[in-house]
Each structure stands twice: as structure tokens, then as C-alpha cells.
PDB file of N, CA and C in Angstrom:
ATOM      1  N   UNK A   1      93.208  43.624  21.977  1.00  0.00           N
ATOM      2  CA  UNK A   1      91.888  43.683  22.547  1.00  0.00           C
ATOM      3  C   UNK A   1      90.933  44.233  21.491  1.00  0.00           C
ATOM      4  N   UNK A   2      89.855  43.522  21.272  1.00  0.00           N
ATOM      5  CA  UNK A   2      88.899  43.938  20.248  1.00  0.00           C
ATOM      6  C   UNK A   2      87.979  45.041  20.779  1.00  0.00           C
ATOM      7  N   UNK A   3      87.248  45.633  19.870  1.00  0.00           N
ATOM      8  CA  UNK A   3      86.306  46.690  20.225  1.00  0.00           C
ATOM      9  C   UNK A   3      85.243  46.157  21.185  1.00  0.00           C
ATOM     10  N   UNK A   4      84.734  44.957  20.911  1.00  0.00           N
ATOM     11  CA  UNK A   4      83.695  44.404  21.785  1.00  0.00           C
ATOM     12  C   UNK A   4      84.247  44.146  23.195  1.00  0.00           C
ATOM     13  N   UNK A   5      85.510  43.727  23.298  1.00  0.00           N
ATOM     14  CA  UNK A   5      86.131  43.524  24.613  1.00  0.00           C
ATOM     15  C   UNK A   5      86.257  44.849  25.354  1.00  0.00           C
ATOM     16  N   UNK A   6      86.621  45.898  24.640  1.00  0.00           N
ATOM     17  CA  UNK A   6      86.778  47.207  25.276  1.00  0.00           C
ATOM     18  C   UNK A   6      85.440  47.754  25.752  1.00  0.00           C
ATOM     19  N   UNK A   7      84.363  47.408  25.090  1.00  0.00           N
ATOM     20  CA  UNK A   7      83.032  47.856  25.496  1.00  0.00           C
ATOM     21  C   UNK A   7      82.477  46.936  26.582  1.00  0.00           C
ATOM     22  N   UNK A   8      82.651  45.637  26.420  1.00  0.00           N
ATOM     23  CA  UNK A   8      82.078  44.659  27.336  1.00  0.00           C
ATOM     24  C   UNK A   8      82.738  44.689  28.715  1.00  0.00           C
ATOM     25  N   UNK A   9      84.044  44.825  28.776  1.00  0.00           N
ATOM     26  CA  UNK A   9      84.751  44.784  30.052  1.00  0.00           C
ATOM     27  C   UNK A   9      84.273  45.870  31.024  1.00  0.00           C
ATOM     28  N   UNK A  10      84.191  47.150  30.614  1.00  0.00           N
ATOM     29  CA  UNK A  10      83.691  48.167  31.548  1.00  0.00           C
ATOM     30  C   UNK A  10      82.235  47.926  31.952  1.00  0.00           C
ATOM     31  N   UNK A  11      81.434  47.426  31.021  1.00  0.00           N
ATOM     32  CA  UNK A  11      80.032  47.130  31.323  1.00  0.00           C
ATOM     33  C   UNK A  11      79.939  46.032  32.381  1.00  0.00           C
ATOM     34  N   UNK A  12      80.744  44.980  32.235  1.00  0.00           N
ATOM     35  CA  UNK A  12      80.742  43.883  33.210  1.00  0.00           C
ATOM     36  C   UNK A  12      81.183  44.390  34.587  1.00  0.00           C
ATOM     37  N   UNK A  13      82.192  45.240  34.629  1.00  0.00           N
ATOM     38  CA  UNK A  13      82.641  45.803  35.906  1.00  0.00           C
ATOM     39  C   UNK A  13      81.535  46.627  36.558  1.00  0.00           C
ATOM     40  N   UNK A  14      80.807  47.399  35.748  1.00  0.00           N
ATOM     41  CA  UNK A  14      79.719  48.220  36.253  1.00  0.00           C
ATOM     42  C   UNK A  14      78.603  47.347  36.832  1.00  0.00           C
ATOM     43  N   UNK A  15      78.222  46.318  36.114  1.00  0.00           N
ATOM     44  CA  UNK A  15      77.171  45.408  36.590  1.00  0.00           C
ATOM     45  C   UNK A  15      77.605  44.729  37.884  1.00  0.00           C
ATOM     46  N   UNK A  16      78.843  44.253  37.974  1.00  0.00           N
ATOM     47  CA  UNK A  16      79.343  43.609  39.189  1.00  0.00           C
ATOM     48  C   UNK A  16      79.346  44.579  40.364  1.00  0.00           C
ATOM     49  N   UNK A  17      79.682  45.825  40.116  1.00  0.00           N
ATOM     50  CA  UNK A  17      79.713  46.824  41.190  1.00  0.00           C
ATOM     51  C   UNK A  17      78.315  47.059  41.762  1.00  0.00           C
ATOM     52  N   UNK A  18      77.299  47.081  40.886  1.00  0.00           N
ATOM     53  CA  UNK A  18      75.938  47.325  41.352  1.00  0.00           C
ATOM     54  C   UNK A  18      75.289  46.095  41.961  1.00  0.00           C
ATOM     55  N   UNK A  19      75.731  44.909  41.588  1.00  0.00           N
ATOM     56  CA  UNK A  19      75.090  43.691  42.086  1.00  0.00           C
ATOM     57  C   UNK A  19      75.929  42.961  43.134  1.00  0.00           C
ATOM     58  N   UNK A  20      77.056  43.518  43.521  1.00  0.00           N
ATOM     59  CA  UNK A  20      77.957  42.830  44.459  1.00  0.00           C
ATOM     60  C   UNK A  20      77.266  42.478  45.766  1.00  0.00           C
ATOM     61  N   UNK A  21      76.409  43.338  46.257  1.00  0.00           N
ATOM     62  CA  UNK A  21      75.743  43.083  47.530  1.00  0.00           C
ATOM     63  C   UNK A  21      74.318  42.567  47.363  1.00  0.00           C
ATOM     64  N   UNK A  22      73.908  42.247  46.160  1.00  0.00           N
ATOM     65  CA  UNK A  22      72.533  41.805  45.927  1.00  0.00           C
ATOM     66  C   UNK A  22      72.188  40.550  46.727  1.00  0.00           C
ATOM     67  N   UNK A  23      73.119  39.622  46.872  1.00  0.00           N
ATOM     68  CA  UNK A  23      72.857  38.391  47.620  1.00  0.00           C
ATOM     69  C   UNK A  23      72.645  38.668  49.100  1.00  0.00           C
ATOM     70  N   UNK A  24      73.099  39.838  49.571  1.00  0.00           N
ATOM     71  CA  UNK A  24      72.927  40.200  50.974  1.00  0.00           C
ATOM     72  C   UNK A  24      71.680  41.049  51.184  1.00  0.00           C
ATOM     73  N   UNK A  25      70.951  41.359  50.129  1.00  0.00           N
ATOM     74  CA  UNK A  25      69.786  42.232  50.223  1.00  0.00           C
ATOM     75  C   UNK A  25      68.471  41.468  50.347  1.00  0.00           C
ATOM     76  N   UNK A  26      68.516  40.162  50.278  1.00  0.00           N
ATOM     77  CA  UNK A  26      67.305  39.347  50.383  1.00  0.00           C
ATOM     78  C   UNK A  26      67.445  38.376  51.551  1.00  0.00           C
ATOM     79  N   UNK A  27      66.324  37.979  52.170  1.00  0.00           N
ATOM     80  CA  UNK A  27      66.415  36.999  53.254  1.00  0.00           C
ATOM     81  C   UNK A  27      66.679  35.598  52.701  1.00  0.00           C
ATOM     82  N   UNK A  28      67.455  34.816  53.447  1.00  0.00           N
ATOM     83  CA  UNK A  28      67.751  33.439  53.071  1.00  0.00           C
ATOM     84  C   UNK A  28      67.276  32.522  54.180  1.00  0.00           C
ATOM     85  N   UNK A  29      66.745  31.359  53.792  1.00  0.00           N
ATOM     86  CA  UNK A  29      66.240  30.394  54.761  1.00  0.00           C
ATOM     87  C   UNK A  29      67.368  29.445  55.170  1.00  0.00           C
ATOM     88  N   UNK A  30      67.532  29.272  56.479  1.00  0.00           N
ATOM     89  CA  UNK A  30      68.542  28.378  57.034  1.00  0.00           C
ATOM     90  C   UNK A  30      67.884  27.388  57.971  1.00  0.00           C
ATOM     91  N   UNK A  31      68.430  26.191  58.025  1.00  0.00           N
ATOM     92  CA  UNK A  31      67.980  25.162  58.955  1.00  0.00           C
ATOM     93  C   UNK A  31      68.912  25.189  60.160  1.00  0.00           C
ATOM     94  N   UNK A  32      68.337  25.245  61.342  1.00  0.00           N
ATOM     95  CA  UNK A  32      69.117  25.346  62.580  1.00  0.00           C
ATOM     96  C   UNK A  32      69.765  24.000  62.900  1.00  0.00           C
ATOM     97  N   UNK A  33      71.088  24.012  63.123  1.00  0.00           N
ATOM     98  CA  UNK A  33      71.783  22.782  63.516  1.00  0.00           C
ATOM     99  C   UNK A  33      72.139  22.791  64.999  1.00  0.00           C
ATOM    100  N   UNK A  34      72.285  23.974  65.579  1.00  0.00           N
ATOM    101  CA  UNK A  34      72.420  24.120  67.036  1.00  0.00           C
ATOM    102  C   UNK A  34      72.074  25.556  67.393  1.00  0.00           C
ATOM    103  N   UNK A  35      71.635  25.739  68.646  1.00  0.00           N
ATOM    104  CA  UNK A  35      71.205  27.088  69.042  1.00  0.00           C
ATOM    105  C   UNK A  35      71.291  27.274  70.545  1.00  0.00           C
ATOM    106  N   UNK A  36      71.424  28.531  70.933  1.00  0.00           N
ATOM    107  CA  UNK A  36      71.293  28.968  72.321  1.00  0.00           C
ATOM    108  C   UNK A  36      70.188  30.013  72.322  1.00  0.00           C
ATOM    109  N   UNK A  37      69.984  30.673  73.433  1.00  0.00           N
ATOM    110  CA  UNK A  37      68.964  31.725  73.462  1.00  0.00           C
ATOM    111  C   UNK A  37      69.439  33.017  72.807  1.00  0.00           C
ATOM    112  N   UNK A  38      70.733  33.084  72.459  1.00  0.00           N
ATOM    113  CA  UNK A  38      71.254  34.315  71.854  1.00  0.00           C
ATOM    114  C   UNK A  38      71.846  34.124  70.461  1.00  0.00           C
ATOM    115  N   UNK A  39      72.239  32.889  70.095  1.00  0.00           N
ATOM    116  CA  UNK A  39      72.855  32.644  68.778  1.00  0.00           C
ATOM    117  C   UNK A  39      72.369  31.332  68.190  1.00  0.00           C
ATOM    118  N   UNK A  40      72.630  31.169  66.885  1.00  0.00           N
ATOM    119  CA  UNK A  40      72.340  29.887  66.242  1.00  0.00           C
ATOM    120  C   UNK A  40      73.405  29.580  65.197  1.00  0.00           C
ATOM    121  N   UNK A  41      73.496  28.307  64.856  1.00  0.00           N
ATOM    122  CA  UNK A  41      74.358  27.828  63.784  1.00  0.00           C
ATOM    123  C   UNK A  41      73.449  27.111  62.802  1.00  0.00           C
ATOM    124  N   UNK A  42      73.639  27.355  61.506  1.00  0.00           N
ATOM    125  CA  UNK A  42      72.734  26.748  60.542  1.00  0.00           C
ATOM    126  C   UNK A  42      73.321  26.608  59.159  1.00  0.00           C
ATOM    127  N   UNK A  43      72.561  25.895  58.329  1.00  0.00           N
ATOM    128  CA  UNK A  43      72.936  25.616  56.949  1.00  0.00           C
ATOM    129  C   UNK A  43      71.813  26.083  56.035  1.00  0.00           C
ATOM    130  N   UNK A  44      72.174  26.698  54.917  1.00  0.00           N
ATOM    131  CA  UNK A  44      71.176  27.186  53.956  1.00  0.00           C
ATOM    132  C   UNK A  44      70.368  26.023  53.397  1.00  0.00           C
ATOM    133  N   UNK A  45      69.059  26.242  53.228  1.00  0.00           N
ATOM    134  CA  UNK A  45      68.203  25.190  52.679  1.00  0.00           C
ATOM    135  C   UNK A  45      68.178  25.214  51.158  1.00  0.00           C
ATOM    136  N   UNK A  46      68.550  26.331  50.560  1.00  0.00           N
ATOM    137  CA  UNK A  46      68.545  26.450  49.098  1.00  0.00           C
ATOM    138  C   UNK A  46      69.937  26.183  48.526  1.00  0.00           C
ATOM    139  N   UNK A  47      70.020  25.339  47.502  1.00  0.00           N
ATOM    140  CA  UNK A  47      71.322  25.126  46.865  1.00  0.00           C
ATOM    141  C   UNK A  47      71.815  26.373  46.121  1.00  0.00           C
ATOM    142  N   UNK A  48      70.929  27.334  45.899  1.00  0.00           N
ATOM    143  CA  UNK A  48      71.300  28.565  45.208  1.00  0.00           C
ATOM    144  C   UNK A  48      71.859  29.632  46.142  1.00  0.00           C
ATOM    145  N   UNK A  49      71.805  29.372  47.438  1.00  0.00           N
ATOM    146  CA  UNK A  49      72.296  30.360  48.407  1.00  0.00           C
ATOM    147  C   UNK A  49      73.814  30.485  48.266  1.00  0.00           C
ATOM    148  N   UNK A  50      74.314  31.706  48.050  1.00  0.00           N
ATOM    149  CA  UNK A  50      75.751  31.898  47.861  1.00  0.00           C
ATOM    150  C   UNK A  50      76.549  31.950  49.155  1.00  0.00           C
ATOM    151  N   UNK A  51      75.862  31.880  50.287  1.00  0.00           N
ATOM    152  CA  UNK A  51      76.528  32.029  51.571  1.00  0.00           C
ATOM    153  C   UNK A  51      76.906  30.663  52.150  1.00  0.00           C
ATOM    154  N   UNK A  52      77.981  30.624  52.924  1.00  0.00           N
ATOM    155  CA  UNK A  52      78.381  29.364  53.563  1.00  0.00           C
ATOM    156  C   UNK A  52      77.502  29.075  54.779  1.00  0.00           C
ATOM    157  N   UNK A  53      77.779  27.964  55.446  1.00  0.00           N
ATOM    158  CA  UNK A  53      77.109  27.685  56.712  1.00  0.00           C
ATOM    159  C   UNK A  53      77.422  28.833  57.665  1.00  0.00           C
ATOM    160  N   UNK A  54      76.463  29.156  58.500  1.00  0.00           N
ATOM    161  CA  UNK A  54      76.635  30.267  59.427  1.00  0.00           C
ATOM    162  C   UNK A  54      76.827  29.725  60.842  1.00  0.00           C
ATOM    163  N   UNK A  55      77.786  30.300  61.567  1.00  0.00           N
ATOM    164  CA  UNK A  55      78.114  29.842  62.917  1.00  0.00           C
ATOM    165  C   UNK A  55      78.034  31.015  63.883  1.00  0.00           C
ATOM    166  N   UNK A  56      77.329  30.813  64.995  1.00  0.00           N
ATOM    167  CA  UNK A  56      77.263  31.831  66.040  1.00  0.00           C
ATOM    168  C   UNK A  56      76.581  33.117  65.626  1.00  0.00           C
ATOM    169  N   UNK A  57      75.529  33.006  64.843  1.00  0.00           N
ATOM    170  CA  UNK A  57      74.819  34.193  64.362  1.00  0.00           C
ATOM    171  C   UNK A  57      73.867  34.703  65.448  1.00  0.00           C
ATOM    172  N   UNK A  58      73.923  35.987  65.783  1.00  0.00           N
ATOM    173  CA  UNK A  58      73.037  36.522  66.825  1.00  0.00           C
ATOM    174  C   UNK A  58      71.573  36.452  66.407  1.00  0.00           C
ATOM    175  N   UNK A  59      70.723  36.116  67.357  1.00  0.00           N
ATOM    176  CA  UNK A  59      69.284  36.088  67.118  1.00  0.00           C
ATOM    177  C   UNK A  59      68.708  37.469  67.384  1.00  0.00           C
ATOM    178  N   UNK A  60      67.775  37.897  66.558  1.00  0.00           N
ATOM    179  CA  UNK A  60      67.104  39.167  66.762  1.00  0.00           C
ATOM    180  C   UNK A  60      65.889  38.904  67.647  1.00  0.00           C
ATOM    181  N   UNK A  61      65.821  39.553  68.810  1.00  0.00           N
ATOM    182  CA  UNK A  61      64.691  39.290  69.705  1.00  0.00           C
ATOM    183  C   UNK A  61      63.397  39.809  69.108  1.00  0.00           C
ATOM    184  N   UNK A  62      62.328  39.116  69.434  1.00  0.00           N
ATOM    185  CA  UNK A  62      61.009  39.555  68.995  1.00  0.00           C
ATOM    186  C   UNK A  62      60.485  40.591  69.968  1.00  0.00           C
ATOM    187  N   UNK A  63      59.702  40.141  70.934  1.00  0.00           N
ATOM    188  CA  UNK A  63      59.168  41.034  71.960  1.00  0.00           C
ATOM    189  C   UNK A  63      60.279  41.309  72.963  1.00  0.00           C
ATOM    190  N   UNK A  64      60.424  42.550  73.343  1.00  0.00           N
ATOM    191  CA  UNK A  64      61.484  42.938  74.277  1.00  0.00           C
ATOM    192  C   UNK A  64      61.418  42.097  75.546  1.00  0.00           C
ATOM    193  N   UNK A  65      62.564  41.553  75.935  1.00  0.00           N
ATOM    194  CA  UNK A  65      62.654  40.775  77.159  1.00  0.00           C
ATOM    195  C   UNK A  65      62.398  39.292  76.993  1.00  0.00           C
ATOM    196  N   UNK A  66      62.036  38.860  75.796  1.00  0.00           N
ATOM    197  CA  UNK A  66      61.784  37.427  75.596  1.00  0.00           C
ATOM    198  C   UNK A  66      63.041  36.735  75.087  1.00  0.00           C
ATOM    199  N   UNK A  67      63.215  35.490  75.493  1.00  0.00           N
ATOM    200  CA  UNK A  67      64.316  34.664  75.016  1.00  0.00           C
ATOM    201  C   UNK A  67      63.724  33.438  74.361  1.00  0.00           C
ATOM    202  N   UNK A  68      64.148  33.171  73.140  1.00  0.00           N
ATOM    203  CA  UNK A  68      63.650  32.016  72.407  1.00  0.00           C
ATOM    204  C   UNK A  68      64.841  31.218  71.914  1.00  0.00           C
ATOM    205  N   UNK A  69      64.807  29.922  72.136  1.00  0.00           N
ATOM    206  CA  UNK A  69      65.863  29.043  71.640  1.00  0.00           C
ATOM    207  C   UNK A  69      65.256  28.222  70.500  1.00  0.00           C
ATOM    208  N   UNK A  70      65.681  28.484  69.249  1.00  0.00           N
ATOM    209  CA  UNK A  70      65.117  27.731  68.128  1.00  0.00           C
ATOM    210  C   UNK A  70      65.444  26.241  68.247  1.00  0.00           C
ATOM    211  N   UNK A  71      64.495  25.409  67.894  1.00  0.00           N
ATOM    212  CA  UNK A  71      64.701  23.961  67.936  1.00  0.00           C
ATOM    213  C   UNK A  71      65.603  23.536  66.784  1.00  0.00           C
ATOM    214  N   UNK A  72      66.418  22.518  67.023  1.00  0.00           N
ATOM    215  CA  UNK A  72      67.265  21.971  65.956  1.00  0.00           C
ATOM    216  C   UNK A  72      66.352  21.473  64.848  1.00  0.00           C
ATOM    217  N   UNK A  73      66.677  21.841  63.616  1.00  0.00           N
ATOM    218  CA  UNK A  73      65.868  21.459  62.459  1.00  0.00           C
ATOM    219  C   UNK A  73      64.829  22.491  62.076  1.00  0.00           C
ATOM    220  N   UNK A  74      64.578  23.480  62.955  1.00  0.00           N
ATOM    221  CA  UNK A  74      63.613  24.513  62.592  1.00  0.00           C
ATOM    222  C   UNK A  74      64.225  25.438  61.536  1.00  0.00           C
ATOM    223  N   UNK A  75      63.377  26.175  60.871  1.00  0.00           N
ATOM    224  CA  UNK A  75      63.818  27.077  59.809  1.00  0.00           C
ATOM    225  C   UNK A  75      63.804  28.515  60.307  1.00  0.00           C
ATOM    226  N   UNK A  76      64.845  29.242  59.964  1.00  0.00           N
ATOM    227  CA  UNK A  76      64.946  30.650  60.336  1.00  0.00           C
ATOM    228  C   UNK A  76      65.262  31.468  59.093  1.00  0.00           C
ATOM    229  N   UNK A  77      64.842  32.716  59.113  1.00  0.00           N
ATOM    230  CA  UNK A  77      65.190  33.637  58.035  1.00  0.00           C
ATOM    231  C   UNK A  77      66.413  34.431  58.432  1.00  0.00           C
ATOM    232  N   UNK A  78      67.379  34.528  57.540  1.00  0.00           N
ATOM    233  CA  UNK A  78      68.610  35.264  57.816  1.00  0.00           C
ATOM    234  C   UNK A  78      68.638  36.511  56.938  1.00  0.00           C
ATOM    235  N   UNK A  79      68.799  37.662  57.600  1.00  0.00           N
ATOM    236  CA  UNK A  79      68.902  38.936  56.903  1.00  0.00           C
ATOM    237  C   UNK A  79      70.230  39.570  57.263  1.00  0.00           C
ATOM    238  N   UNK A  80      70.849  40.218  56.307  1.00  0.00           N
ATOM    239  CA  UNK A  80      72.091  40.939  56.538  1.00  0.00           C
ATOM    240  C   UNK A  80      71.748  42.413  56.635  1.00  0.00           C
ATOM    241  N   UNK A  81      71.879  42.970  57.838  1.00  0.00           N
ATOM    242  CA  UNK A  81      71.510  44.373  58.040  1.00  0.00           C
ATOM    243  C   UNK A  81      72.368  45.289  57.176  1.00  0.00           C
ATOM    244  N   UNK A  82      71.711  46.175  56.485  1.00  0.00           N
ATOM    245  CA  UNK A  82      72.362  47.129  55.590  1.00  0.00           C
ATOM    246  C   UNK A  82      73.175  46.448  54.489  1.00  0.00           C
ATOM    247  N   UNK A  83      72.824  45.207  54.171  1.00  0.00           N
ATOM    248  CA  UNK A  83      73.550  44.477  53.120  1.00  0.00           C
ATOM    249  C   UNK A  83      74.991  44.183  53.480  1.00  0.00           C
ATOM    250  N   UNK A  84      75.283  44.172  54.774  1.00  0.00           N
ATOM    251  CA  UNK A  84      76.658  43.970  55.228  1.00  0.00           C
ATOM    252  C   UNK A  84      76.894  42.512  55.630  1.00  0.00           C
ATOM    253  N   UNK A  85      77.719  41.795  54.891  1.00  0.00           N
ATOM    254  CA  UNK A  85      77.944  40.379  55.220  1.00  0.00           C
ATOM    255  C   UNK A  85      78.644  40.212  56.549  1.00  0.00           C
TER     256      UNK A  85
END
């Protein structure tokens, strides 16, 4: 193992540790393929999205007591609370 490998390897591990949840820290746009008043299934609209298709994802209510069923083909923002996939 060369000197550069010994320096680079720990640095790469450090960077991966700090950025591991970065993809979960930003909202991603998904297109709704099916939905109920409580969940939706969708596909990411960006080819750069690292996440797979999402199935049965709970909807976050807006105004308390309201139920909204997203239309098929509509766009929704997906956030991972606390960066937890």
C-alpha cells in the first residue's frame, strides 16, 4: 500500500460517513402512480434521484382534519424526516 493510498483511504471513509445521509436531507420530486387519502405510490422524476420507486408512503396532512387524494400523474415532494430512509 502506497503512502497516497494510506492517506486517501481514511479521507474517503470520512467523506462517506459525513455524506451518507445527504441524499435523504433534500426533498425529491415524485410523480404519483396511485394514491389513497392516506398513502401514495410514485416514481422519482429526476434521473439523478438515488432512491427507488416508493410504495405506500404516508401522506403528511396539510390542514388538520382534511383528506386529500393526489391525482395520478401529479407531482409531490418527498422528504425523509430526520434524514431517516
